[in-house]
Amino acid sequence: MPFIVALCFAAFAGSISYRSLDPMLTMVAGDFDITVRQAALLVSAYGLPYAAMQPVLGPIADAYGKARLIKICLTILTLSVALAAVAPGYSTLMVSRVIAGAVSGGIFPVGLAVIGDRTALDERQVAASRYLVASIFGQMFGATVAGVIASYFGWRVVFYVVTVITVVVCAIVWRFLDSKSEKTYPLTLAGAIEGYRQVLGNPASYIVFGAALAEGTFFFCVFPFVGAMLIERGAGGPVAAGVALAGFAVGGVIYGSVVRYIIAAIGQWYMMRLGGIMAGIAYLIIAWPMGPVGVALVFMIAGFGFYMLHNTLQARGTELAPTARGSTFALFSASMFLGQGIGPILAGGISKFAGFSMLFISMGVLVAALGLIAAHYLKRLP
């Protein structure tokens, strides 16, 4: 399916633009003479606009065309990454991240809606998992390669490299993602409200979106602080942080390669439970001092567990409102990225007053509980 390949390139580019900043936060902080906690707000500057724009982008995708919207948003994302590369100060970099977050909401979640529209139900979770793997590869590239490049050439060079990649991806997506066959409808406020009414009329939507909010908050709030944690433990800087964070992405890649067999063996509800427990235990282990390789290995387990939970929520989301999937995944992504925007603020407070170990212990307990509670309530709904 050529459209899947084009969507995977788009997801890859979007993920690079997001996660490449995480291992470099200590360098950005030093360059602009700000604290690491202030630098971590650049993560929120991406996540919060991403969430805020979802209620707007969802109806636009349903009315104007999902593939068309992906192409436009990817082009603007490319320009925002280029702006980050030449940012003269913290404020300009903040603006570039706000723009990137706002338009990225028209890429990955809309791609999931395209998959929902163009694939059969029995193949949908597997197709979505392949799409996830492409996004994960972007995260892995962002976490590892960005840390290495930044250490040797500076953090700006990372954004130059990402700009080149997104330019190439833009060319591929504009060429191979079919948008001419999409039906278009007038974009009206009444139509947008009706789409959201359909989504929220399904009781399962509140569990799915609530779980996505919790995922974004509990799983990802620790990411911006991994580098500072390793430095505090005398275990390295940006490269070490990149290696550690790459473990999460590797866990997702492994999950993507075996997802078909896991679904057949244990079913979606046990996947959610087991995924939350695996990730929770992994975070508890990271709370104990270890080097970057050890942290990376444990993060790999956490990543595998996360995608067991997350991919099941995505598949459940495709059926909340089949005629308004753009609106569905707008709310899904808004929930998750609202959590990712809130998360660094929460984690910054916990780490400041209780330390990094307590941060991982508290998040470990919460992600394990999330998998159990979400599976329990979704299983009871039609």
Protein backbone atom coordinates (compact mmCIF):
# COMPACT_ATOMS: atom_id res chain seq x y z
CA MET A 1 0.00 0.00 0.00
CA PRO A 2 1.91 3.09 -1.23
CA PHE A 3 -0.05 5.46 1.00
CA ILE A 4 1.20 3.62 4.10
CA VAL A 5 4.81 4.13 3.00
CA ALA A 6 4.23 7.85 2.41
CA LEU A 7 2.52 8.16 5.79
CA CYS A 8 5.44 6.40 7.45
CA PHE A 9 7.88 8.95 6.03
CA ALA A 10 5.68 11.76 7.35
CA ALA A 11 5.50 10.16 10.81
CA PHE A 12 9.29 9.70 10.80
CA ALA A 13 9.90 13.38 10.06
CA GLY A 14 7.41 14.55 12.65
CA SER A 15 8.98 12.43 15.38
CA ILE A 16 12.51 13.59 14.59
CA SER A 17 11.46 17.21 14.93
CA TYR A 18 10.00 16.49 18.36
CA ARG A 19 12.43 14.14 20.10
CA SER A 20 15.71 15.52 18.78
CA LEU A 21 15.61 18.27 21.40
CA ASP A 22 15.41 16.00 24.48
CA PRO A 23 19.08 14.90 24.72
CA MET A 24 20.31 18.43 23.96
CA LEU A 25 18.47 20.35 26.66
CA THR A 26 21.52 20.73 28.88
CA MET A 27 23.49 22.18 25.93
CA VAL A 28 20.70 24.58 24.98
CA ALA A 29 20.48 25.66 28.62
CA GLY A 30 24.20 26.37 28.72
CA ASP A 31 24.23 28.20 25.39
CA PHE A 32 21.36 30.51 26.34
CA ASP A 33 22.38 30.80 30.01
CA ILE A 34 19.14 29.35 31.37
CA THR A 35 18.37 26.49 33.74
CA VAL A 36 17.60 22.94 32.57
CA ARG A 37 14.08 23.36 33.93
CA GLN A 38 13.62 26.46 31.77
CA ALA A 39 14.98 24.56 28.78
CA ALA A 40 12.52 21.75 29.51
CA LEU A 41 9.72 24.26 28.87
CA LEU A 42 10.69 23.98 25.19
CA VAL A 43 9.16 20.50 25.34
CA SER A 44 5.95 21.97 26.73
CA ALA A 45 6.13 24.65 24.04
CA TYR A 46 5.70 21.87 21.50
CA GLY A 47 3.21 19.71 23.37
CA LEU A 48 0.70 22.33 24.49
CA PRO A 49 0.15 23.96 21.04
CA TYR A 50 -0.05 20.48 19.57
CA ALA A 51 -2.90 19.73 21.94
CA ALA A 52 -4.56 23.14 21.57
CA MET A 53 -4.71 22.94 17.76
CA GLN A 54 -6.31 19.50 17.65
CA PRO A 55 -9.94 20.67 17.98
CA VAL A 56 -9.32 22.88 14.93
CA LEU A 57 -7.31 20.47 12.79
CA GLY A 58 -9.67 17.51 13.27
CA PRO A 59 -12.69 19.07 11.53
CA ILE A 60 -10.40 20.56 8.87
CA ALA A 61 -9.07 17.08 8.11
CA ASP A 62 -12.58 15.62 7.86
CA ALA A 63 -13.80 18.44 5.59
CA TYR A 64 -10.81 19.56 3.54
CA GLY A 65 -9.09 16.19 3.16
CA LYS A 66 -6.75 14.33 5.49
CA ALA A 67 -3.92 13.78 2.99
CA ARG A 68 -4.05 17.42 1.90
CA LEU A 69 -3.74 18.60 5.47
CA ILE A 70 -0.75 16.32 6.13
CA LYS A 71 1.11 17.79 3.14
CA ILE A 72 0.51 21.39 4.21
CA CYS A 73 1.42 20.80 7.85
CA LEU A 74 4.59 18.91 6.93
CA THR A 75 5.72 21.85 4.78
CA ILE A 76 5.20 24.34 7.63
CA LEU A 77 6.98 21.98 10.03
CA THR A 78 10.02 22.04 7.76
CA LEU A 79 10.13 25.83 7.93
CA SER A 80 9.82 25.81 11.73
CA VAL A 81 12.76 23.41 12.09
CA ALA A 82 14.86 25.68 9.86
CA LEU A 83 13.95 28.59 12.15
CA ALA A 84 15.12 26.60 15.19
CA ALA A 85 18.51 26.06 13.54
CA VAL A 86 19.15 29.81 13.21
CA ALA A 87 17.39 30.95 16.41
CA PRO A 88 19.43 33.82 17.91
CA GLY A 89 17.99 33.34 21.38
CA TYR A 90 15.74 31.37 23.70
CA SER A 91 12.59 33.28 22.69
CA THR A 92 13.02 32.57 18.99
CA LEU A 93 13.67 28.91 19.67
CA MET A 94 10.52 28.87 21.80
CA VAL A 95 8.51 30.37 18.90
CA SER A 96 9.86 27.76 16.49
CA ARG A 97 8.81 24.97 18.86
CA VAL A 98 5.33 26.47 19.25
CA ILE A 99 4.89 26.53 15.45
CA ALA A 100 6.25 22.99 15.11
CA GLY A 101 3.88 21.70 17.77
CA ALA A 102 0.87 23.45 16.28
CA VAL A 103 1.33 21.97 12.80
CA SER A 104 2.60 18.54 13.84
CA GLY A 105 -0.90 17.89 15.10
CA GLY A 106 -1.90 17.76 11.44
CA ILE A 107 0.54 14.95 10.63
CA PHE A 108 0.66 11.91 12.90
CA PRO A 109 -2.92 11.85 14.24
CA VAL A 110 -4.37 12.64 10.82
CA GLY A 111 -2.29 9.80 9.38
CA LEU A 112 -3.97 7.44 11.85
CA ALA A 113 -7.34 8.66 10.59
CA VAL A 114 -6.21 7.96 7.01
CA ILE A 115 -5.31 4.40 8.03
CA GLY A 116 -8.73 4.05 9.63
CA ASP A 117 -10.37 5.19 6.39
CA ARG A 118 -8.30 3.09 3.98
CA THR A 119 -7.71 -0.25 5.76
CA ALA A 120 -10.02 -3.09 6.81
CA LEU A 121 -10.82 -3.49 10.50
CA ASP A 122 -9.02 -6.84 10.89
CA GLU A 123 -5.78 -5.31 9.54
CA ARG A 124 -6.06 -1.91 11.16
CA GLN A 125 -4.12 -2.47 14.37
CA VAL A 126 -1.26 -4.10 12.47
CA ALA A 127 -1.20 -1.25 9.92
CA ALA A 128 -1.26 1.30 12.73
CA SER A 129 1.60 -0.52 14.43
CA ARG A 130 3.72 -0.25 11.26
CA TYR A 131 2.95 3.46 11.19
CA LEU A 132 3.98 3.64 14.84
CA VAL A 133 7.28 1.93 14.08
CA ALA A 134 8.11 4.66 11.55
CA SER A 135 7.37 7.26 14.20
CA ILE A 136 9.50 5.32 16.67
CA PHE A 137 12.43 5.25 14.26
CA GLY A 138 12.11 9.02 14.15
CA GLN A 139 12.22 9.14 17.93
CA MET A 140 15.24 6.83 17.97
CA PHE A 141 17.06 8.98 15.43
CA GLY A 142 16.15 12.08 17.38
CA ALA A 143 17.30 10.60 20.69
CA THR A 144 20.59 8.99 19.59
CA VAL A 145 21.91 10.74 16.49
CA ALA A 146 20.92 14.17 17.82
CA GLY A 147 22.91 13.58 20.99
CA VAL A 148 26.01 12.48 19.05
CA ILE A 149 25.83 15.30 16.50
CA ALA A 150 25.25 17.89 19.22
CA SER A 151 28.24 16.68 21.22
CA TYR A 152 30.63 17.04 18.30
CA PHE A 153 29.15 19.85 16.22
CA GLY A 154 26.65 21.69 18.44
CA TRP A 155 22.90 21.56 18.84
CA ARG A 156 22.22 23.90 15.88
CA VAL A 157 23.73 21.40 13.45
CA VAL A 158 21.14 18.88 14.62
CA PHE A 159 18.36 21.18 13.46
CA TYR A 160 20.14 21.74 10.13
CA VAL A 161 20.26 17.98 9.59
CA VAL A 162 16.61 17.60 10.56
CA THR A 163 15.71 20.40 8.15
CA VAL A 164 17.34 18.52 5.26
CA ILE A 165 15.52 15.33 6.22
CA THR A 166 12.13 17.02 6.40
CA VAL A 167 12.69 18.67 3.01
CA VAL A 168 13.30 15.23 1.46
CA VAL A 169 10.28 13.77 3.24
CA CYS A 170 8.12 16.66 2.02
CA ALA A 171 9.06 15.82 -1.57
CA ILE A 172 8.19 12.15 -1.05
CA VAL A 173 4.85 12.83 0.63
CA TRP A 174 3.73 15.42 -1.92
CA ARG A 175 4.58 12.95 -4.69
CA PHE A 176 3.21 9.67 -3.35
CA LEU A 177 0.41 10.40 -0.85
CA ASP A 178 -2.76 10.53 -2.93
CA SER A 179 -5.06 13.39 -2.03
CA LYS A 180 -6.92 13.88 -5.32
CA SER A 181 -9.39 11.08 -4.61
CA GLU A 182 -10.41 12.51 -1.24
CA LYS A 183 -13.92 13.86 -0.93
CA THR A 184 -14.24 17.37 0.44
CA TYR A 185 -17.06 19.00 2.33
CA PRO A 186 -17.83 22.56 3.37
CA LEU A 187 -16.08 23.39 6.64
CA THR A 188 -18.72 24.77 8.97
CA LEU A 189 -18.98 25.24 12.70
CA ALA A 190 -22.13 23.12 12.76
CA GLY A 191 -20.33 20.31 10.94
CA ALA A 192 -17.39 20.45 13.34
CA ILE A 193 -19.71 20.34 16.35
CA GLU A 194 -21.61 17.41 14.87
CA GLY A 195 -18.37 15.48 14.34
CA TYR A 196 -17.33 15.97 17.95
CA ARG A 197 -20.87 15.12 19.11
CA GLN A 198 -20.57 11.76 17.37
CA VAL A 199 -17.22 11.05 18.98
CA LEU A 200 -18.20 12.09 22.50
CA GLY A 201 -21.52 10.31 22.18
CA ASN A 202 -19.62 7.05 22.54
CA PRO A 203 -18.99 6.38 26.27
CA ALA A 204 -15.72 4.60 25.46
CA SER A 205 -14.27 7.89 24.19
CA TYR A 206 -13.88 9.25 27.73
CA ILE A 207 -11.82 6.24 28.78
CA VAL A 208 -9.70 6.30 25.61
CA PHE A 209 -8.98 10.03 25.79
CA GLY A 210 -8.45 9.99 29.54
CA ALA A 211 -5.95 7.15 29.17
CA ALA A 212 -4.17 9.05 26.37
CA LEU A 213 -3.89 12.12 28.63
CA ALA A 214 -2.43 9.97 31.39
CA GLU A 215 -0.01 8.30 28.96
CA GLY A 216 1.34 11.63 27.82
CA THR A 217 1.77 12.87 31.37
CA PHE A 218 3.18 9.79 33.12
CA PHE A 219 5.27 8.09 30.43
CA PHE A 220 6.97 11.08 28.81
CA CYS A 221 7.39 13.57 31.64
CA VAL A 222 10.70 11.93 32.60
CA PHE A 223 12.32 12.25 29.15
CA PRO A 224 13.63 15.85 29.41
CA PHE A 225 15.32 15.02 32.72
CA VAL A 226 17.22 11.87 31.74
CA GLY A 227 20.30 13.85 30.72
CA ALA A 228 20.35 15.85 33.96
CA MET A 229 19.80 12.63 35.96
CA LEU A 230 22.76 10.91 34.29
CA ILE A 231 24.99 13.95 34.82
CA GLU A 232 24.02 14.00 38.50
CA ARG A 233 24.99 10.32 38.72
CA GLY A 234 28.26 10.95 36.88
CA ALA A 235 27.14 8.79 33.96
CA GLY A 236 27.53 11.14 30.95
CA GLY A 237 25.93 13.97 29.03
CA PRO A 238 23.95 14.39 25.78
CA VAL A 239 25.33 11.24 24.10
CA ALA A 240 24.57 9.12 27.15
CA ALA A 241 21.07 10.64 27.36
CA GLY A 242 20.53 9.90 23.67
CA VAL A 243 21.58 6.28 24.11
CA ALA A 244 19.33 5.88 27.13
CA LEU A 245 16.28 7.41 25.45
CA ALA A 246 16.86 5.35 22.30
CA GLY A 247 16.10 2.26 24.37
CA PHE A 248 12.45 3.34 24.59
CA ALA A 249 12.27 3.56 20.81
CA VAL A 250 14.00 0.20 20.34
CA GLY A 251 11.37 -1.37 22.57
CA GLY A 252 8.71 0.07 20.26
CA VAL A 253 10.44 -1.31 17.16
CA ILE A 254 10.56 -4.77 18.73
CA TYR A 255 6.88 -4.47 19.58
CA GLY A 256 6.06 -3.52 15.99
CA SER A 257 7.79 -6.65 14.70
CA VAL A 258 5.82 -9.03 16.93
CA VAL A 259 2.49 -7.23 17.39
CA ARG A 260 0.53 -9.63 15.17
CA TYR A 261 1.60 -12.59 17.30
CA ILE A 262 0.92 -10.81 20.60
CA ILE A 263 -2.62 -9.92 19.55
CA ALA A 264 -3.29 -13.53 18.56
CA ALA A 265 -1.76 -14.92 21.75
CA ILE A 266 -3.18 -12.77 24.55
CA GLY A 267 -5.72 -10.32 23.08
CA GLN A 268 -5.97 -6.58 23.48
CA TRP A 269 -7.08 -6.37 27.11
CA TYR A 270 -4.20 -8.45 28.45
CA MET A 271 -1.89 -6.42 26.20
CA MET A 272 -2.96 -3.25 27.98
CA ARG A 273 -2.56 -4.73 31.44
CA LEU A 274 0.79 -6.34 30.74
CA GLY A 275 2.09 -3.26 28.95
CA GLY A 276 1.35 -0.98 31.89
CA ILE A 277 2.91 -3.38 34.39
CA MET A 278 6.06 -3.88 32.28
CA ALA A 279 6.59 -0.15 31.88
CA GLY A 280 5.86 0.53 35.55
CA ILE A 281 8.42 -2.00 36.73
CA ALA A 282 10.96 -0.61 34.29
CA TYR A 283 10.58 2.92 35.68
CA LEU A 284 10.96 1.60 39.22
CA ILE A 285 14.24 -0.04 38.21
CA ILE A 286 15.56 3.16 36.60
CA ALA A 287 15.07 4.88 39.96
CA TRP A 288 18.16 2.99 41.17
CA PRO A 289 21.55 4.36 40.03
CA MET A 290 22.91 2.75 36.85
CA GLY A 291 24.86 3.76 33.75
CA PRO A 292 23.41 4.84 30.40
CA VAL A 293 23.57 1.34 28.91
CA GLY A 294 21.61 -0.08 31.83
CA VAL A 295 19.10 2.75 31.62
CA ALA A 296 18.75 2.14 27.86
CA LEU A 297 18.06 -1.57 28.37
CA VAL A 298 15.40 -0.87 30.98
CA PHE A 299 13.90 1.91 28.84
CA MET A 300 13.60 -0.70 26.08
CA ILE A 301 11.29 -2.71 28.33
CA ALA A 302 9.35 0.45 29.15
CA GLY A 303 8.98 1.25 25.45
CA PHE A 304 7.72 -2.23 24.64
CA GLY A 305 5.16 -1.94 27.42
CA PHE A 306 4.09 1.55 26.39
CA TYR A 307 3.35 0.54 22.81
CA MET A 308 1.38 -2.50 23.93
CA LEU A 309 -0.89 -0.11 25.79
CA HIS A 310 -0.82 2.79 23.34
CA ASN A 311 -1.38 0.82 20.12
CA THR A 312 -4.42 -0.87 21.64
CA LEU A 313 -5.88 2.51 22.61
CA GLN A 314 -5.30 3.75 19.04
CA ALA A 315 -7.06 0.74 17.54
CA ARG A 316 -9.98 1.25 19.90
CA GLY A 317 -10.06 4.90 18.88
CA THR A 318 -10.59 4.10 15.18
CA GLU A 319 -14.03 2.72 15.99
CA LEU A 320 -15.31 5.45 18.30
CA ALA A 321 -16.90 7.38 15.39
CA PRO A 322 -16.14 5.87 11.95
CA THR A 323 -17.57 8.86 10.05
CA ALA A 324 -15.52 11.42 12.03
CA ARG A 325 -12.09 9.85 12.43
CA GLY A 326 -10.32 13.15 11.91
CA SER A 327 -12.16 14.57 14.90
CA THR A 328 -11.57 11.38 16.87
CA PHE A 329 -7.81 11.46 16.52
CA ALA A 330 -7.77 15.20 17.02
CA LEU A 331 -9.17 14.63 20.50
CA PHE A 332 -6.94 11.58 21.03
CA SER A 333 -3.77 13.49 20.19
CA ALA A 334 -4.92 16.61 21.99
CA SER A 335 -5.31 14.51 25.12
CA MET A 336 -1.93 12.89 24.79
CA PHE A 337 0.01 16.04 23.96
CA LEU A 338 -1.77 18.01 26.64
CA GLY A 339 -0.32 15.39 28.96
CA GLN A 340 3.12 15.78 27.37
CA GLY A 341 2.85 19.53 27.84
CA ILE A 342 1.85 19.23 31.49
CA GLY A 343 4.28 16.40 32.22
CA PRO A 344 7.63 18.28 32.22
CA ILE A 345 6.15 20.91 34.55
CA LEU A 346 4.97 18.18 36.94
CA ALA A 347 8.24 16.26 36.67
CA GLY A 348 10.26 19.43 37.20
CA GLY A 349 8.49 20.02 40.50
CA ILE A 350 8.88 16.43 41.69
CA SER A 351 12.58 16.24 40.73
CA LYS A 352 13.33 19.59 42.35
CA PHE A 353 11.81 18.73 45.72
CA ALA A 354 12.18 14.93 45.87
CA GLY A 355 14.93 14.05 43.37
CA PHE A 356 15.09 12.07 40.15
CA SER A 357 14.73 8.67 41.83
CA MET A 358 11.41 9.66 43.38
CA LEU A 359 10.28 10.97 39.99
CA PHE A 360 10.77 7.55 38.40
CA ILE A 361 9.25 5.70 41.35
CA SER A 362 6.08 7.79 41.28
CA MET A 363 5.71 7.50 37.49
CA GLY A 364 6.34 3.75 37.66
CA VAL A 365 3.42 3.27 40.02
CA LEU A 366 1.17 5.50 37.93
CA VAL A 367 1.85 3.86 34.54
CA ALA A 368 1.27 0.39 35.97
CA ALA A 369 -2.04 1.53 37.44
CA LEU A 370 -2.98 3.14 34.13
CA GLY A 371 -2.73 -0.12 32.18
CA LEU A 372 -4.84 -2.00 34.70
CA ILE A 373 -7.54 0.65 35.09
CA ALA A 374 -7.91 1.47 31.37
CA ALA A 375 -8.24 -2.20 30.40
CA HIS A 376 -10.77 -2.82 33.17
CA TYR A 377 -13.13 -0.05 32.09
CA LEU A 378 -12.77 -0.38 28.32
CA LYS A 379 -13.49 -4.11 28.48
CA ARG A 380 -16.83 -3.39 30.11
CA LEU A 381 -17.96 -1.04 27.32
CA PRO A 382 -19.30 -2.11 23.90
